[in-house]
Amino acid sequence: MSEQKTSGFLWFVAGAAIGVAIALLYAPQRGAETRQRISRTAEKGREALAESGSEILERGRELYDKGKQIADEAAELFDRGKKLVQGTKENG
């Protein structure tokens, strides 16, 4: 998931949780039922945020590994080029 999409998803979840909480507060139910529904909704929101956080962490690890691989390949190419240039100087 891209960083922009993940950020948008997190804002959506946060907004949805706030909207549900406000709607529940104005709903014509007993206090205990309302508190229970708010609690369940908050738990679902927490779980969604935790899952999103895990996805972000995994994506960060993937990007780190890919960046490390690119850096390693670039260093190898640099070393090969350096050896090639040194070999040319010795022969020339």
Protein backbone atom coordinates (compact mmCIF):
# COMPACT_ATOMS: atom_id res chain seq x y z
CA MET A 1 0.00 0.00 0.00
CA SER A 2 1.49 3.39 -0.90
CA GLU A 3 2.22 5.90 1.83
CA GLN A 4 -0.40 8.33 0.50
CA LYS A 5 -3.10 5.64 0.38
CA THR A 6 -2.19 4.44 3.87
CA SER A 7 -2.36 7.97 5.25
CA GLY A 8 -5.74 8.47 3.59
CA PHE A 9 -6.99 5.19 5.01
CA LEU A 10 -5.89 6.16 8.53
CA TRP A 11 -7.70 9.50 8.27
CA PHE A 12 -10.79 7.71 6.98
CA VAL A 13 -10.76 5.26 9.90
CA ALA A 14 -10.24 8.07 12.41
CA GLY A 15 -13.05 10.13 10.87
CA ALA A 16 -15.37 7.14 10.76
CA ALA A 17 -14.67 6.34 14.42
CA ILE A 18 -15.38 9.93 15.47
CA GLY A 19 -18.54 10.03 13.36
CA VAL A 20 -19.82 6.78 14.83
CA ALA A 21 -19.06 7.93 18.37
CA ILE A 22 -20.96 11.18 17.83
CA ALA A 23 -23.89 9.34 16.25
CA LEU A 24 -24.03 6.92 19.17
CA LEU A 25 -24.01 9.73 21.69
CA TYR A 26 -27.08 11.25 20.06
CA ALA A 27 -28.85 7.92 19.53
CA PRO A 28 -31.91 7.33 21.72
CA GLN A 29 -30.54 4.43 23.80
CA ARG A 30 -29.75 3.79 27.42
CA GLY A 31 -26.37 4.97 28.65
CA ALA A 32 -25.03 1.47 29.23
CA GLU A 33 -25.91 0.37 25.70
CA THR A 34 -24.36 3.50 24.22
CA ARG A 35 -21.14 3.04 26.20
CA GLN A 36 -20.99 -0.59 25.11
CA ARG A 37 -21.42 0.33 21.43
CA ILE A 38 -18.81 3.07 21.72
CA SER A 39 -16.45 0.60 23.33
CA ARG A 40 -16.98 -1.99 20.57
CA THR A 41 -16.56 0.65 17.86
CA ALA A 42 -13.40 1.99 19.49
CA GLU A 43 -11.99 -1.55 19.67
CA LYS A 44 -12.69 -2.11 15.98
CA GLY A 45 -11.00 1.20 15.18
CA ARG A 46 -8.01 0.27 17.30
CA GLU A 47 -7.70 -3.07 15.52
CA ALA A 48 -7.92 -1.38 12.11
CA LEU A 49 -5.22 1.11 13.09
CA ALA A 50 -2.99 -1.68 14.42
CA GLU A 51 -3.41 -3.59 11.16
CA SER A 52 -2.61 -0.49 9.15
CA GLY A 53 0.46 0.10 11.30
CA SER A 54 1.62 -3.44 10.63
CA GLU A 55 1.15 -2.91 6.89
CA ILE A 56 3.12 0.34 7.04
CA LEU A 57 5.91 -1.35 8.98
CA GLU A 58 6.07 -4.23 6.49
CA ARG A 59 6.14 -1.81 3.56
CA GLY A 60 8.96 0.12 5.26
CA ARG A 61 10.96 -3.08 5.65
CA GLU A 62 10.41 -3.94 1.98
CA LEU A 63 11.57 -0.49 0.91
CA TYR A 64 14.61 -0.70 3.19
CA ASP A 65 15.58 -4.11 1.80
CA LYS A 66 15.14 -2.90 -1.77
CA GLY A 67 17.20 0.24 -1.07
CA LYS A 68 19.93 -1.83 0.55
CA GLN A 69 20.03 -4.16 -2.45
CA ILE A 70 20.30 -1.21 -4.85
CA ALA A 71 23.08 0.33 -2.75
CA ASP A 72 24.98 -2.98 -2.66
CA GLU A 73 24.66 -3.37 -6.43
CA ALA A 74 25.82 0.23 -6.96
CA ALA A 75 28.85 -0.35 -4.71
CA GLU A 76 29.71 -3.50 -6.66
CA LEU A 77 29.45 -1.65 -9.98
CA PHE A 78 31.62 1.15 -8.58
CA ASP A 79 34.28 -1.34 -7.49
CA ARG A 80 34.22 -3.07 -10.89
CA GLY A 81 34.57 0.30 -12.65
CA LYS A 82 37.39 1.32 -10.34
CA LYS A 83 39.28 -1.92 -11.06
CA LEU A 84 38.68 -1.45 -14.77
CA VAL A 85 40.10 2.08 -14.66
CA GLN A 86 43.10 0.98 -12.58
CA GLY A 87 43.76 -1.86 -15.01
CA THR A 88 43.66 0.59 -17.91
CA LYS A 89 46.14 2.91 -16.19
CA GLU A 90 48.58 0.06 -15.53
CA ASN A 91 48.41 -1.16 -19.13
CA GLY A 92 48.60 2.33 -20.61
